[in-house]
Amino acid sequence: MGAVSTSTADQKATRDGYGDALHELGASRQDIVVLDADLSGSTKTNKFAKAFPDRFFNVGVAEQNLVGHAAGLALSGFVPFASSFAMFLSGRAWEVVRNSVVYPFLNVKLVASHGGITVGEDGASHQCIEDFATMRAIPEMVVICPADYNETKQVIHAIAEYKGPVYVRVGRPNVPIIERENYKFQIGKAEVLREGKDVLIIANGVLVNEAMIAVKELEAEGIQATLLNMATIKPIDKEAILKYAKQCGAVVTCEEHNVIGGLGSAVSEFLSEEYPVRVLKLGMKDTFGKSGTWSGLLDYFGLRSKNITELAKKAVQSK
């Protein structure tokens, strides 16, 4: 665990990390191909399309075909990255993902942009808060949600090397870049951002930055928190969860997703069998989102550092 901080001046969207990593992969590997459903400007696959037009395929607004084409390219020996909005890629195309990609265990990478309520003004119809649940329920599917631009780039390079189906959620808004020393993303491994003895906080995506702020707020009140960035939701890092749950005795999970079926559920499912301990979940409380600014929506739905701080203190008091 190296020194870690967030830079409020340096902010980039995780979808930009995806676009930049794809461009790098395209330059170094001829087997990388990219597919999009007429949203390349939003998903940032347009960077790859401009540089490598012969390896980019826009299938139009037809997400089932998007995934089916990716499966065919995988069977032909390519490594396809298929992208659309999270709502469509994990929702509209779910059956094709299950039966045409994951069941035959094809080497397809599904990268979904505009996940969570930070889609903002697009409203509840486009704010996907169910994708962790639907994707991790598919056997053998890897599910990842990186925290910032730099981690996203590492994630994309890592899944390009991994042989098998993967679902990655990236986001629309510019979020603070976490300054790390010697961090290397590994599928299925949590990042230990802080160690403490009083409460274990597990977060992913945009909530990692909020959790880092909360850890400092808790420290000012004499509460020492362990903070794990759980970018990989499946396979989840059971070893790290168990170690720090035993050390802290109380757990708080934080995610930009419904509290049903996502990160909090995955943590609870594991701990209920291995080390029963109280788990408090911060997330969307089984409700749809609303139209508004992404920052305002985080405030409205209580997905801020102050909410994490309150929940962590409640978890400590319950021990």
Protein backbone atom coordinates (compact mmCIF):
# COMPACT_ATOMS: atom_id res chain seq x y z
CA MET A 1 0.00 0.00 0.00
CA GLY A 2 1.65 3.22 -1.20
CA ALA A 3 0.84 6.84 -0.53
CA VAL A 4 -2.60 7.72 -1.83
CA SER A 5 -4.38 11.02 -2.38
CA THR A 6 -6.94 12.57 -4.69
CA SER A 7 -6.25 15.54 -6.91
CA THR A 8 -9.28 17.80 -7.25
CA ALA A 9 -7.53 19.78 -9.98
CA ASP A 10 -6.85 16.74 -12.17
CA GLN A 11 -10.13 15.12 -13.17
CA LYS A 12 -11.01 12.81 -16.04
CA ALA A 13 -13.87 10.47 -16.83
CA THR A 14 -13.34 6.73 -16.63
CA ARG A 15 -14.80 6.46 -20.14
CA ASP A 16 -11.84 8.57 -21.33
CA GLY A 17 -9.52 6.03 -19.74
CA TYR A 18 -11.27 3.37 -21.77
CA GLY A 19 -10.91 5.29 -25.02
CA ASP A 20 -7.22 6.05 -24.44
CA ALA A 21 -6.40 2.46 -23.43
CA LEU A 22 -8.17 1.13 -26.53
CA HIS A 23 -6.08 3.43 -28.71
CA GLU A 24 -2.90 2.13 -27.07
CA LEU A 25 -3.97 -1.49 -27.51
CA GLY A 26 -4.89 -0.91 -31.13
CA ALA A 27 -1.40 0.39 -31.86
CA SER A 28 0.35 -2.57 -30.24
CA ARG A 29 -1.98 -5.47 -31.14
CA GLN A 30 -3.49 -6.27 -34.51
CA ASP A 31 -6.00 -8.71 -33.00
CA ILE A 32 -7.89 -5.97 -31.12
CA VAL A 33 -11.19 -5.01 -32.77
CA VAL A 34 -13.85 -2.63 -31.48
CA LEU A 35 -17.62 -2.58 -31.95
CA ASP A 36 -20.11 0.12 -31.03
CA ALA A 37 -23.86 0.72 -31.26
CA ASP A 38 -23.84 4.22 -32.77
CA LEU A 39 -22.58 5.78 -29.53
CA SER A 40 -18.84 5.97 -30.20
CA GLY A 41 -18.64 9.64 -29.25
CA SER A 42 -20.14 8.87 -25.86
CA THR A 43 -18.30 5.61 -25.19
CA LYS A 44 -15.03 7.14 -26.48
CA THR A 45 -14.43 4.28 -28.91
CA ASN A 46 -14.27 7.01 -31.59
CA LYS A 47 -10.58 7.44 -30.78
CA PHE A 48 -9.93 3.86 -31.87
CA ALA A 49 -12.26 4.25 -34.87
CA LYS A 50 -10.35 7.24 -36.20
CA ALA A 51 -6.95 5.57 -35.84
CA PHE A 52 -7.91 2.06 -36.96
CA PRO A 53 -11.03 2.29 -39.15
CA ASP A 54 -10.52 -1.17 -40.65
CA ARG A 55 -10.88 -2.72 -37.17
CA PHE A 56 -13.87 -0.69 -36.00
CA PHE A 57 -17.49 -1.76 -36.58
CA ASN A 58 -20.54 0.42 -35.92
CA VAL A 59 -23.54 -1.93 -35.95
CA GLY A 60 -26.08 0.84 -35.36
CA VAL A 61 -28.70 0.93 -32.62
CA ALA A 62 -28.88 -2.85 -32.35
CA GLU A 63 -27.27 -4.06 -29.14
CA GLN A 64 -28.16 -7.73 -29.60
CA ASN A 65 -26.40 -7.65 -32.98
CA LEU A 66 -23.50 -5.81 -31.38
CA VAL A 67 -22.88 -8.69 -28.97
CA GLY A 68 -23.54 -11.35 -31.63
CA HIS A 69 -21.01 -9.76 -33.97
CA ALA A 70 -18.48 -9.63 -31.13
CA ALA A 71 -19.01 -13.34 -30.49
CA GLY A 72 -18.35 -14.13 -34.14
CA LEU A 73 -15.17 -12.07 -34.18
CA ALA A 74 -13.97 -13.84 -31.03
CA LEU A 75 -14.56 -17.20 -32.72
CA SER A 76 -12.46 -15.90 -35.62
CA GLY A 77 -9.48 -15.28 -33.35
CA PHE A 78 -9.89 -11.58 -32.64
CA VAL A 79 -10.20 -9.90 -29.24
CA PRO A 80 -13.38 -7.81 -29.54
CA PHE A 81 -14.31 -4.89 -27.30
CA ALA A 82 -18.03 -4.15 -27.61
CA SER A 83 -19.49 -0.97 -26.13
CA SER A 84 -22.78 0.81 -25.56
CA PHE A 85 -24.56 2.43 -22.64
CA ALA A 86 -24.76 0.19 -19.57
CA MET A 87 -28.56 0.20 -19.69
CA PHE A 88 -28.57 -1.32 -23.17
CA LEU A 89 -25.52 -3.58 -22.99
CA SER A 90 -26.50 -5.24 -19.73
CA GLY A 91 -30.25 -5.01 -20.31
CA ARG A 92 -31.37 -5.19 -23.91
CA ALA A 93 -28.57 -7.59 -24.92
CA TRP A 94 -28.55 -9.75 -21.77
CA GLU A 95 -29.79 -13.00 -23.33
CA VAL A 96 -27.24 -12.77 -26.16
CA VAL A 97 -24.49 -12.02 -23.62
CA ARG A 98 -25.47 -15.09 -21.62
CA ASN A 99 -26.00 -17.62 -24.41
CA SER A 100 -23.70 -16.40 -27.20
CA VAL A 101 -20.76 -15.07 -25.20
CA VAL A 102 -20.49 -16.38 -21.65
CA TYR A 103 -22.02 -19.86 -22.03
CA PRO A 104 -19.44 -20.81 -24.73
CA PHE A 105 -16.85 -18.79 -22.76
CA LEU A 106 -15.79 -16.56 -25.65
CA ASN A 107 -13.07 -13.95 -25.37
CA VAL A 108 -15.40 -10.93 -25.59
CA LYS A 109 -14.92 -7.74 -23.59
CA LEU A 110 -18.10 -5.79 -22.88
CA VAL A 111 -17.36 -2.23 -21.76
CA ALA A 112 -20.47 -0.28 -20.77
CA SER A 113 -20.38 3.48 -20.50
CA HIS A 114 -22.82 5.80 -18.71
CA GLY A 115 -23.41 3.48 -15.77
CA GLY A 116 -25.11 4.57 -12.55
CA ILE A 117 -27.00 7.76 -11.74
CA THR A 118 -24.05 9.97 -12.77
CA VAL A 119 -25.43 9.77 -16.30
CA GLY A 120 -27.28 12.77 -14.89
CA GLU A 121 -29.69 14.61 -17.15
CA ASP A 122 -30.42 11.53 -19.29
CA GLY A 123 -32.77 10.47 -16.51
CA ALA A 124 -33.91 7.26 -14.86
CA SER A 125 -34.51 5.37 -18.12
CA HIS A 126 -30.79 5.58 -18.93
CA GLN A 127 -29.39 5.41 -15.38
CA CYS A 128 -28.44 1.76 -15.07
CA ILE A 129 -28.31 0.72 -11.41
CA GLU A 130 -28.87 -3.01 -12.01
CA ASP A 131 -25.92 -4.03 -14.19
CA PHE A 132 -23.68 -5.44 -11.44
CA ALA A 133 -26.55 -7.70 -10.38
CA THR A 134 -27.51 -8.94 -13.84
CA MET A 135 -23.96 -9.48 -15.02
CA ARG A 136 -22.53 -11.14 -11.93
CA ALA A 137 -25.46 -13.57 -11.88
CA ILE A 138 -24.18 -15.08 -15.13
CA PRO A 139 -21.84 -18.01 -14.33
CA GLU A 140 -18.15 -17.39 -15.07
CA MET A 141 -18.62 -13.71 -15.95
CA VAL A 142 -16.01 -11.25 -14.65
CA VAL A 143 -17.48 -7.91 -13.49
CA ILE A 144 -15.36 -4.79 -12.93
CA CYS A 145 -16.02 -1.15 -12.02
CA PRO A 146 -12.84 0.99 -11.87
CA ALA A 147 -12.56 4.07 -9.69
CA ASP A 148 -10.76 6.59 -11.88
CA TYR A 149 -9.10 7.29 -15.23
CA ASN A 150 -5.77 5.65 -14.43
CA GLU A 151 -7.28 2.49 -12.98
CA THR A 152 -9.57 2.22 -16.00
CA LYS A 153 -6.59 2.22 -18.36
CA GLN A 154 -5.00 -0.55 -16.33
CA VAL A 155 -8.26 -2.51 -16.30
CA ILE A 156 -8.59 -2.38 -20.09
CA HIS A 157 -5.03 -3.56 -20.61
CA ALA A 158 -5.53 -6.34 -18.04
CA ILE A 159 -8.74 -7.68 -19.57
CA ALA A 160 -7.15 -7.65 -23.01
CA GLU A 161 -4.69 -10.22 -21.66
CA TYR A 162 -7.36 -12.23 -19.83
CA LYS A 163 -8.90 -15.07 -21.83
CA GLY A 164 -12.65 -15.03 -21.28
CA PRO A 165 -15.74 -12.82 -21.07
CA VAL A 166 -15.61 -9.61 -19.04
CA TYR A 167 -18.07 -6.81 -18.24
CA VAL A 168 -16.63 -3.41 -17.28
CA ARG A 169 -18.67 -0.35 -16.26
CA VAL A 170 -17.23 3.10 -16.94
CA GLY A 171 -18.80 6.48 -16.27
CA ARG A 172 -19.68 9.77 -17.90
CA PRO A 173 -18.53 12.49 -15.43
CA ASN A 174 -15.04 13.80 -14.83
CA VAL A 175 -13.95 12.50 -11.42
CA PRO A 176 -10.77 13.08 -9.38
CA ILE A 177 -7.74 11.02 -10.30
CA ILE A 178 -6.37 9.04 -7.37
CA GLU A 179 -2.65 9.58 -7.02
CA ARG A 180 -1.02 6.25 -6.28
CA GLU A 181 2.48 4.86 -5.89
CA ASN A 182 3.26 1.55 -7.60
CA TYR A 183 -0.37 0.45 -8.02
CA LYS A 184 -1.04 -2.38 -10.44
CA PHE A 185 -4.60 -3.54 -11.05
CA GLN A 186 -5.19 -7.28 -10.89
CA ILE A 187 -8.47 -8.99 -11.69
CA GLY A 188 -10.01 -10.25 -8.44
CA LYS A 189 -7.72 -8.26 -6.12
CA ALA A 190 -8.80 -5.37 -3.92
CA GLU A 191 -6.69 -2.25 -3.54
CA VAL A 192 -5.94 -1.34 0.08
CA LEU A 193 -6.15 2.44 0.19
CA ARG A 194 -6.03 2.79 3.98
CA GLU A 195 -5.72 0.47 6.96
CA GLY A 196 -7.51 0.97 10.28
CA LYS A 197 -8.93 -1.11 13.11
CA ASP A 198 -12.45 0.25 13.68
CA VAL A 199 -14.49 -0.22 10.51
CA LEU A 200 -14.01 -1.70 7.04
CA ILE A 201 -15.26 0.43 4.14
CA ILE A 202 -15.49 -1.25 0.73
CA ALA A 203 -16.22 0.91 -2.31
CA ASN A 204 -15.92 0.98 -6.07
CA GLY A 205 -16.44 3.38 -8.97
CA VAL A 206 -17.13 7.04 -8.18
CA LEU A 207 -17.80 6.16 -4.54
CA VAL A 208 -14.11 5.41 -3.92
CA ASN A 209 -13.26 9.10 -3.95
CA GLU A 210 -16.16 9.85 -1.61
CA ALA A 211 -15.01 7.05 0.69
CA MET A 212 -11.48 8.48 0.77
CA ILE A 213 -12.90 11.80 1.96
CA ALA A 214 -15.01 9.95 4.55
CA VAL A 215 -11.96 8.14 5.89
CA LYS A 216 -10.33 11.49 6.62
CA GLU A 217 -13.51 12.78 8.27
CA LEU A 218 -13.68 9.67 10.45
CA GLU A 219 -10.02 9.98 11.38
CA ALA A 220 -10.68 13.51 12.63
CA GLU A 221 -13.27 11.99 14.97
CA GLY A 222 -10.89 9.31 16.22
CA ILE A 223 -12.22 6.44 14.09
CA GLN A 224 -9.67 4.46 12.13
CA ALA A 225 -11.08 2.94 8.94
CA THR A 226 -9.75 0.41 6.48
CA LEU A 227 -10.68 1.33 2.91
CA LEU A 228 -10.74 -1.20 0.08
CA ASN A 229 -11.22 -0.24 -3.55
CA MET A 230 -13.11 -3.33 -4.76
CA ALA A 231 -12.92 -2.69 -8.50
CA THR A 232 -13.54 -6.35 -9.26
CA ILE A 233 -17.01 -7.28 -8.07
CA LYS A 234 -16.68 -10.79 -9.44
CA PRO A 235 -14.54 -12.69 -8.66
CA ILE A 236 -14.53 -10.71 -5.42
CA ASP A 237 -11.43 -10.61 -3.22
CA LYS A 238 -12.59 -12.91 -0.42
CA GLU A 239 -9.20 -13.00 1.24
CA ALA A 240 -9.05 -9.23 1.73
CA ILE A 241 -12.67 -9.00 2.86
CA LEU A 242 -12.21 -11.74 5.45
CA LYS A 243 -8.92 -10.35 6.75
CA TYR A 244 -10.22 -6.85 7.36
CA ALA A 245 -13.70 -7.88 8.50
CA LYS A 246 -12.02 -9.84 11.28
CA GLN A 247 -9.72 -6.94 12.05
CA CYS A 248 -12.48 -4.29 12.11
CA GLY A 249 -15.63 -6.14 13.18
CA ALA A 250 -18.00 -3.99 11.11
CA VAL A 251 -18.38 -3.37 7.38
CA VAL A 252 -19.79 -0.60 5.17
CA THR A 253 -20.17 -1.02 1.39
CA CYS A 254 -20.50 1.89 -1.04
CA GLU A 255 -21.68 1.69 -4.64
CA GLU A 256 -23.47 3.64 -7.36
CA HIS A 257 -25.89 0.74 -7.83
CA ASN A 258 -29.02 -0.68 -6.28
CA VAL A 259 -28.28 -2.08 -2.81
CA ILE A 260 -29.86 -5.30 -4.09
CA GLY A 261 -27.56 -7.53 -6.09
CA GLY A 262 -24.40 -5.45 -6.33
CA LEU A 263 -21.20 -4.97 -4.33
CA GLY A 264 -22.96 -4.91 -0.96
CA SER A 265 -24.82 -8.10 -1.74
CA ALA A 266 -21.65 -9.83 -2.91
CA VAL A 267 -19.84 -8.89 0.31
CA SER A 268 -22.81 -9.92 2.47
CA GLU A 269 -23.23 -13.26 0.71
CA PHE A 270 -19.62 -14.16 1.39
CA LEU A 271 -19.40 -12.93 4.98
CA SER A 272 -22.70 -14.52 6.02
CA GLU A 273 -21.13 -17.92 5.36
CA GLU A 274 -17.53 -17.30 6.39
CA TYR A 275 -17.58 -14.68 9.14
CA PRO A 276 -21.00 -13.28 10.11
CA VAL A 277 -20.60 -9.59 10.84
CA ARG A 278 -22.84 -6.57 10.39
CA VAL A 279 -22.72 -5.13 6.85
CA LEU A 280 -24.34 -1.74 6.18
CA LYS A 281 -24.92 -0.85 2.53
CA LEU A 282 -24.72 2.58 0.93
CA GLY A 283 -26.27 2.72 -2.53
CA MET A 284 -29.53 3.27 -4.35
CA LYS A 285 -32.25 2.14 -1.94
CA ASP A 286 -34.26 0.07 -4.41
CA THR A 287 -35.45 3.18 -6.21
CA PHE A 288 -35.03 4.55 -9.73
CA GLY A 289 -32.95 7.64 -10.39
CA LYS A 290 -34.08 11.07 -11.57
CA SER A 291 -33.03 13.65 -14.09
CA GLY A 292 -30.54 16.18 -12.75
CA THR A 293 -26.87 17.04 -12.62
CA TRP A 294 -24.72 14.08 -11.68
CA SER A 295 -23.33 15.90 -8.67
CA GLY A 296 -26.79 16.94 -7.53
CA LEU A 297 -28.03 13.38 -7.86
CA LEU A 298 -25.25 12.06 -5.64
CA ASP A 299 -26.38 14.60 -3.05
CA TYR A 300 -30.07 13.80 -3.50
CA PHE A 301 -29.64 10.05 -3.13
CA GLY A 302 -27.17 10.27 -0.24
CA LEU A 303 -24.10 8.93 -1.99
CA ARG A 304 -21.62 11.39 -0.53
CA SER A 305 -18.75 11.25 1.94
CA LYS A 306 -20.93 12.59 4.76
CA ASN A 307 -23.36 9.70 4.23
CA ILE A 308 -20.51 7.20 4.32
CA THR A 309 -19.21 8.83 7.51
CA GLU A 310 -22.63 8.56 9.18
CA LEU A 311 -23.03 4.93 8.17
CA ALA A 312 -19.52 4.05 9.32
CA LYS A 313 -20.15 5.58 12.76
CA LYS A 314 -23.39 3.62 12.98
CA ALA A 315 -21.50 0.44 12.11
CA VAL A 316 -18.88 1.12 14.78
CA GLN A 317 -21.53 1.81 17.41
CA SER A 318 -23.30 -1.46 16.59
CA LYS A 319 -20.27 -3.63 17.41
